[in-house]
Amino acid sequence: MSVETFVPSKDVVTLTPAAVRHFEGKLNSQPGKIIRLSTKVSGCTGYAYVLDFADASVEGDEVLSLSDKLTVAIAKDAVPLLQNTEIDYVMEGVNGVIKYYNPNVVDECGCGESFNVG
């Protein structure tokens, strides 16, 4: 019997240039803050994405320095759910929307509020 240890890749998530610009713009009015990405149990299929402003990362977070203006921390317990996810910011009509392209998702609720992984 062998024991395997989960070692995340260097980039748990990636952000498109549009997403980086969006988050940098949001942080302009929040000096010293970072973006923290986590998940919570929610909805009819399992989990929901949670984006917050934070003063700093929490011990165990995966921290990505994406530019001199943007640092993203990913909660330790969310890493397995988010591994290899791409985050984009797109316009849908007149609204800007954050999109998650998560290859781990096997099911989503009809309204798009929650997801489940395999």
N, C-alpha and C. Protein backbone atom coordinates (compact mmCIF):
# COMPACT_ATOMS: atom_id res chain seq x y z
N MET A 1 0.85 -1.17 0.00
CA MET A 1 0.00 0.00 0.00
C MET A 1 0.90 1.23 0.00
N SER A 2 0.52 2.23 -0.77
CA SER A 2 1.29 3.47 -0.79
C SER A 2 0.40 4.63 -0.39
N VAL A 3 1.05 5.67 0.06
CA VAL A 3 0.34 6.88 0.46
C VAL A 3 0.70 7.97 -0.53
N GLU A 4 -0.33 8.64 -1.08
CA GLU A 4 -0.09 9.73 -2.00
C GLU A 4 -0.38 11.05 -1.30
N THR A 5 0.42 12.03 -1.60
CA THR A 5 0.23 13.36 -1.04
C THR A 5 -0.22 14.28 -2.16
N PHE A 6 -1.24 15.07 -1.89
CA PHE A 6 -1.72 16.02 -2.87
C PHE A 6 -0.77 17.21 -2.90
N VAL A 7 -0.18 17.45 -4.07
CA VAL A 7 0.70 18.59 -4.26
C VAL A 7 0.13 19.40 -5.41
N PRO A 8 -0.45 20.59 -5.12
CA PRO A 8 -1.06 21.36 -6.19
C PRO A 8 -0.01 21.87 -7.17
N SER A 9 -0.45 22.08 -8.41
CA SER A 9 0.45 22.66 -9.39
C SER A 9 0.71 24.11 -9.00
N LYS A 10 1.66 24.72 -9.67
CA LYS A 10 2.04 26.08 -9.34
C LYS A 10 0.84 27.02 -9.39
N ASP A 11 0.03 26.89 -10.41
CA ASP A 11 -1.13 27.76 -10.55
C ASP A 11 -2.41 26.96 -10.36
N VAL A 12 -3.00 27.08 -9.19
CA VAL A 12 -4.27 26.41 -8.92
C VAL A 12 -5.32 26.96 -9.87
N VAL A 13 -5.35 28.29 -9.99
CA VAL A 13 -6.25 28.94 -10.93
C VAL A 13 -5.43 29.88 -11.80
N THR A 14 -5.98 30.19 -12.96
CA THR A 14 -5.40 31.21 -13.83
C THR A 14 -6.49 32.25 -14.08
N LEU A 15 -6.07 33.45 -14.37
CA LEU A 15 -7.00 34.53 -14.70
C LEU A 15 -6.66 35.04 -16.08
N THR A 16 -7.68 35.30 -16.86
CA THR A 16 -7.47 35.90 -18.17
C THR A 16 -7.05 37.35 -17.99
N PRO A 17 -6.47 37.96 -19.01
CA PRO A 17 -6.13 39.38 -18.90
C PRO A 17 -7.35 40.25 -18.55
N ALA A 18 -8.52 39.91 -19.08
CA ALA A 18 -9.73 40.68 -18.75
C ALA A 18 -10.08 40.55 -17.28
N ALA A 19 -9.91 39.38 -16.70
CA ALA A 19 -10.19 39.18 -15.28
C ALA A 19 -9.18 39.93 -14.42
N VAL A 20 -7.92 39.90 -14.81
CA VAL A 20 -6.89 40.64 -14.07
C VAL A 20 -7.24 42.12 -14.06
N ARG A 21 -7.58 42.69 -15.22
CA ARG A 21 -7.94 44.12 -15.30
C ARG A 21 -9.16 44.42 -14.43
N HIS A 22 -10.15 43.54 -14.45
CA HIS A 22 -11.36 43.73 -13.65
C HIS A 22 -11.02 43.79 -12.16
N PHE A 23 -10.27 42.82 -11.68
CA PHE A 23 -9.95 42.76 -10.25
C PHE A 23 -9.00 43.89 -9.85
N GLU A 24 -8.06 44.25 -10.72
CA GLU A 24 -7.19 45.39 -10.43
C GLU A 24 -8.04 46.66 -10.26
N GLY A 25 -9.03 46.83 -11.13
CA GLY A 25 -9.92 47.98 -11.03
C GLY A 25 -10.71 47.99 -9.73
N LYS A 26 -11.19 46.83 -9.32
CA LYS A 26 -11.92 46.73 -8.05
C LYS A 26 -11.02 47.07 -6.86
N LEU A 27 -9.76 46.68 -6.94
CA LEU A 27 -8.83 46.92 -5.83
C LEU A 27 -8.34 48.36 -5.76
N ASN A 28 -8.54 49.13 -6.85
CA ASN A 28 -8.13 50.54 -6.83
C ASN A 28 -8.80 51.30 -5.68
N SER A 29 -10.04 50.94 -5.37
CA SER A 29 -10.76 51.61 -4.28
C SER A 29 -10.58 50.90 -2.95
N GLN A 30 -9.75 49.87 -2.92
CA GLN A 30 -9.51 49.07 -1.71
C GLN A 30 -7.99 48.93 -1.48
N PRO A 31 -7.28 50.01 -1.22
CA PRO A 31 -5.82 49.93 -1.08
C PRO A 31 -5.41 48.92 -0.01
N GLY A 32 -4.39 48.12 -0.36
CA GLY A 32 -3.86 47.14 0.59
C GLY A 32 -4.63 45.84 0.65
N LYS A 33 -5.73 45.73 -0.07
CA LYS A 33 -6.55 44.51 -0.03
C LYS A 33 -6.08 43.52 -1.09
N ILE A 34 -6.45 42.28 -0.91
CA ILE A 34 -6.24 41.23 -1.90
C ILE A 34 -7.60 40.60 -2.19
N ILE A 35 -7.64 39.78 -3.23
CA ILE A 35 -8.84 39.01 -3.55
C ILE A 35 -8.65 37.62 -2.95
N ARG A 36 -9.67 37.12 -2.25
CA ARG A 36 -9.60 35.77 -1.68
C ARG A 36 -10.73 34.95 -2.28
N LEU A 37 -10.36 33.81 -2.86
CA LEU A 37 -11.30 32.90 -3.49
C LEU A 37 -11.46 31.67 -2.61
N SER A 38 -12.71 31.34 -2.32
CA SER A 38 -13.00 30.15 -1.54
C SER A 38 -14.28 29.53 -2.09
N THR A 39 -14.71 28.47 -1.46
CA THR A 39 -15.98 27.85 -1.82
C THR A 39 -16.78 27.64 -0.55
N LYS A 40 -18.08 27.48 -0.72
CA LYS A 40 -18.94 27.14 0.41
C LYS A 40 -19.97 26.13 -0.05
N VAL A 41 -20.46 25.35 0.88
CA VAL A 41 -21.53 24.41 0.59
C VAL A 41 -22.77 25.25 0.31
N SER A 42 -23.39 24.99 -0.84
CA SER A 42 -24.51 25.84 -1.24
C SER A 42 -25.32 25.20 -2.35
N GLY A 43 -26.54 25.64 -2.48
CA GLY A 43 -27.38 25.28 -3.62
C GLY A 43 -27.76 23.82 -3.66
N CYS A 44 -28.28 23.45 -4.80
CA CYS A 44 -28.80 22.10 -4.95
C CYS A 44 -27.76 21.10 -5.44
N THR A 45 -26.60 21.56 -5.89
CA THR A 45 -25.61 20.60 -6.39
C THR A 45 -24.34 20.52 -5.55
N GLY A 46 -24.14 21.40 -4.58
CA GLY A 46 -22.99 21.19 -3.71
C GLY A 46 -22.23 22.41 -3.26
N TYR A 47 -21.56 23.12 -4.17
CA TYR A 47 -20.66 24.20 -3.78
C TYR A 47 -20.95 25.47 -4.58
N ALA A 48 -20.55 26.60 -4.00
CA ALA A 48 -20.61 27.88 -4.68
C ALA A 48 -19.26 28.57 -4.55
N TYR A 49 -18.91 29.36 -5.54
CA TYR A 49 -17.68 30.14 -5.50
C TYR A 49 -17.91 31.36 -4.61
N VAL A 50 -16.89 31.75 -3.84
CA VAL A 50 -16.97 32.93 -2.99
C VAL A 50 -15.75 33.79 -3.25
N LEU A 51 -15.98 35.02 -3.68
CA LEU A 51 -14.91 36.00 -3.89
C LEU A 51 -15.08 37.11 -2.87
N ASP A 52 -14.01 37.41 -2.15
CA ASP A 52 -14.05 38.46 -1.13
C ASP A 52 -12.81 39.33 -1.22
N PHE A 53 -12.94 40.56 -0.71
CA PHE A 53 -11.77 41.37 -0.44
C PHE A 53 -11.23 40.91 0.91
N ALA A 54 -9.92 40.85 1.05
CA ALA A 54 -9.32 40.43 2.32
C ALA A 54 -8.10 41.32 2.60
N ASP A 55 -7.76 41.43 3.88
CA ASP A 55 -6.57 42.20 4.26
C ASP A 55 -5.30 41.41 3.98
N ALA A 56 -5.41 40.08 4.08
CA ALA A 56 -4.24 39.22 3.88
C ALA A 56 -4.72 37.80 3.64
N SER A 57 -3.81 36.97 3.19
CA SER A 57 -4.14 35.56 3.03
C SER A 57 -4.23 34.90 4.40
N VAL A 58 -4.85 33.73 4.43
CA VAL A 58 -4.97 32.94 5.65
C VAL A 58 -3.93 31.83 5.57
N GLU A 59 -3.41 31.41 6.71
CA GLU A 59 -2.42 30.34 6.73
C GLU A 59 -2.92 29.14 5.94
N GLY A 60 -2.11 28.64 5.03
CA GLY A 60 -2.48 27.49 4.21
C GLY A 60 -3.03 27.87 2.84
N ASP A 61 -3.38 29.14 2.63
CA ASP A 61 -3.87 29.58 1.33
C ASP A 61 -2.78 29.42 0.26
N GLU A 62 -3.20 29.15 -0.95
CA GLU A 62 -2.32 29.24 -2.11
C GLU A 62 -2.37 30.69 -2.55
N VAL A 63 -1.23 31.35 -2.68
CA VAL A 63 -1.20 32.76 -2.99
C VAL A 63 -0.57 32.97 -4.37
N LEU A 64 -1.30 33.70 -5.22
CA LEU A 64 -0.83 34.02 -6.56
C LEU A 64 -0.62 35.52 -6.67
N SER A 65 0.57 35.95 -7.00
CA SER A 65 0.84 37.36 -7.26
C SER A 65 0.76 37.54 -8.77
N LEU A 66 -0.35 38.10 -9.22
CA LEU A 66 -0.61 38.18 -10.65
C LEU A 66 -0.12 39.47 -11.29
N SER A 67 0.05 40.50 -10.48
CA SER A 67 0.62 41.76 -10.95
C SER A 67 1.03 42.55 -9.72
N ASP A 68 1.62 43.72 -9.94
CA ASP A 68 1.98 44.53 -8.77
C ASP A 68 0.75 45.07 -8.06
N LYS A 69 -0.42 44.98 -8.69
CA LYS A 69 -1.66 45.47 -8.09
C LYS A 69 -2.58 44.35 -7.62
N LEU A 70 -2.32 43.11 -8.05
CA LEU A 70 -3.29 42.03 -7.81
C LEU A 70 -2.64 40.79 -7.21
N THR A 71 -3.12 40.45 -6.01
CA THR A 71 -2.77 39.20 -5.37
C THR A 71 -4.07 38.45 -5.10
N VAL A 72 -4.08 37.17 -5.45
CA VAL A 72 -5.24 36.32 -5.22
C VAL A 72 -4.83 35.19 -4.29
N ALA A 73 -5.60 34.99 -3.24
CA ALA A 73 -5.38 33.88 -2.30
C ALA A 73 -6.51 32.88 -2.49
N ILE A 74 -6.16 31.61 -2.58
CA ILE A 74 -7.15 30.55 -2.73
C ILE A 74 -7.17 29.74 -1.44
N ALA A 75 -8.35 29.65 -0.83
CA ALA A 75 -8.49 28.93 0.43
C ALA A 75 -8.01 27.49 0.29
N LYS A 76 -7.29 27.02 1.29
CA LYS A 76 -6.70 25.69 1.27
C LYS A 76 -7.74 24.60 0.97
N ASP A 77 -8.91 24.69 1.61
CA ASP A 77 -9.92 23.65 1.41
C ASP A 77 -10.60 23.74 0.04
N ALA A 78 -10.41 24.86 -0.67
CA ALA A 78 -10.99 25.00 -2.01
C ALA A 78 -10.06 24.53 -3.11
N VAL A 79 -8.78 24.37 -2.80
CA VAL A 79 -7.79 24.01 -3.84
C VAL A 79 -8.19 22.75 -4.62
N PRO A 80 -8.56 21.65 -3.98
CA PRO A 80 -8.93 20.46 -4.77
C PRO A 80 -10.14 20.69 -5.68
N LEU A 81 -11.05 21.56 -5.27
CA LEU A 81 -12.25 21.84 -6.07
C LEU A 81 -11.95 22.76 -7.24
N LEU A 82 -10.91 23.57 -7.11
CA LEU A 82 -10.61 24.62 -8.09
C LEU A 82 -9.41 24.34 -8.96
N GLN A 83 -8.71 23.24 -8.73
CA GLN A 83 -7.48 22.93 -9.47
C GLN A 83 -7.69 23.09 -10.97
N ASN A 84 -6.83 23.90 -11.60
CA ASN A 84 -6.82 24.14 -13.05
C ASN A 84 -8.01 24.95 -13.56
N THR A 85 -8.66 25.70 -12.68
CA THR A 85 -9.77 26.56 -13.08
C THR A 85 -9.25 27.84 -13.71
N GLU A 86 -9.92 28.27 -14.78
CA GLU A 86 -9.63 29.57 -15.39
C GLU A 86 -10.77 30.52 -15.03
N ILE A 87 -10.40 31.73 -14.60
CA ILE A 87 -11.39 32.75 -14.27
C ILE A 87 -11.31 33.82 -15.34
N ASP A 88 -12.47 34.20 -15.87
CA ASP A 88 -12.55 35.20 -16.93
C ASP A 88 -13.57 36.25 -16.52
N TYR A 89 -13.48 37.41 -17.13
CA TYR A 89 -14.47 38.46 -16.96
C TYR A 89 -14.98 38.79 -18.35
N VAL A 90 -16.28 38.59 -18.55
CA VAL A 90 -16.87 38.77 -19.88
C VAL A 90 -18.08 39.69 -19.79
N MET A 91 -18.38 40.30 -20.91
CA MET A 91 -19.58 41.12 -21.02
C MET A 91 -20.69 40.25 -21.59
N GLU A 92 -21.83 40.27 -20.92
CA GLU A 92 -23.03 39.62 -21.41
C GLU A 92 -24.08 40.70 -21.55
N GLY A 93 -24.25 41.16 -22.77
CA GLY A 93 -25.11 42.32 -22.98
C GLY A 93 -24.43 43.53 -22.38
N VAL A 94 -25.10 44.20 -21.44
CA VAL A 94 -24.52 45.37 -20.79
C VAL A 94 -23.91 45.04 -19.42
N ASN A 95 -23.94 43.77 -19.04
CA ASN A 95 -23.45 43.36 -17.73
C ASN A 95 -22.11 42.64 -17.82
N GLY A 96 -21.22 42.97 -16.89
CA GLY A 96 -19.97 42.24 -16.76
C GLY A 96 -20.17 41.07 -15.81
N VAL A 97 -19.64 39.91 -16.18
CA VAL A 97 -19.85 38.69 -15.41
C VAL A 97 -18.53 37.96 -15.22
N ILE A 98 -18.30 37.47 -14.00
CA ILE A 98 -17.14 36.63 -13.73
C ILE A 98 -17.52 35.20 -14.09
N LYS A 99 -16.72 34.57 -14.94
CA LYS A 99 -16.98 33.19 -15.37
C LYS A 99 -15.87 32.29 -14.85
N TYR A 100 -16.28 31.12 -14.39
CA TYR A 100 -15.34 30.11 -13.91
C TYR A 100 -15.36 28.94 -14.89
N TYR A 101 -14.22 28.62 -15.46
CA TYR A 101 -14.09 27.47 -16.34
C TYR A 101 -13.33 26.41 -15.54
N ASN A 102 -14.11 25.60 -14.83
CA ASN A 102 -13.56 24.64 -13.88
C ASN A 102 -13.67 23.23 -14.47
N PRO A 103 -12.53 22.62 -14.83
CA PRO A 103 -12.57 21.29 -15.45
C PRO A 103 -13.00 20.18 -14.50
N ASN A 104 -13.09 20.48 -13.22
CA ASN A 104 -13.47 19.47 -12.23
C ASN A 104 -14.98 19.33 -12.07
N VAL A 105 -15.73 20.28 -12.61
CA VAL A 105 -17.19 20.29 -12.43
C VAL A 105 -17.83 19.17 -13.25
N VAL A 106 -18.67 18.38 -12.58
CA VAL A 106 -19.40 17.32 -13.24
C VAL A 106 -20.91 17.60 -13.30
N ASP A 107 -21.36 18.58 -12.49
CA ASP A 107 -22.78 18.91 -12.46
C ASP A 107 -22.95 20.34 -11.97
N GLU A 108 -23.89 21.06 -12.58
CA GLU A 108 -24.22 22.41 -12.16
C GLU A 108 -25.74 22.51 -12.04
N CYS A 109 -26.18 23.37 -11.14
CA CYS A 109 -27.62 23.56 -11.04
C CYS A 109 -28.10 24.40 -12.22
N GLY A 110 -29.36 24.35 -12.49
CA GLY A 110 -29.93 25.05 -13.64
C GLY A 110 -29.74 26.55 -13.60
N CYS A 111 -29.73 27.14 -12.41
CA CYS A 111 -29.61 28.59 -12.30
C CYS A 111 -28.15 29.05 -12.27
N GLY A 112 -27.20 28.11 -12.22
CA GLY A 112 -25.80 28.46 -12.23
C GLY A 112 -25.23 28.89 -10.89
N GLU A 113 -25.99 28.72 -9.83
CA GLU A 113 -25.54 29.13 -8.50
C GLU A 113 -24.58 28.15 -7.84
N SER A 114 -24.67 26.88 -8.16
CA SER A 114 -23.84 25.89 -7.47
C SER A 114 -23.30 24.85 -8.45
N PHE A 115 -22.28 24.14 -7.99
CA PHE A 115 -21.64 23.12 -8.82
C PHE A 115 -21.22 21.95 -7.95
N ASN A 116 -20.90 20.84 -8.61
CA ASN A 116 -20.38 19.67 -7.92
C ASN A 116 -19.21 19.14 -8.71
N VAL A 117 -18.26 18.52 -8.03
CA VAL A 117 -17.07 17.98 -8.68
C VAL A 117 -17.07 16.48 -8.60
N GLY A 118 -16.31 15.86 -9.51
CA GLY A 118 -16.26 14.39 -9.55
C GLY A 118 -15.18 13.82 -8.69
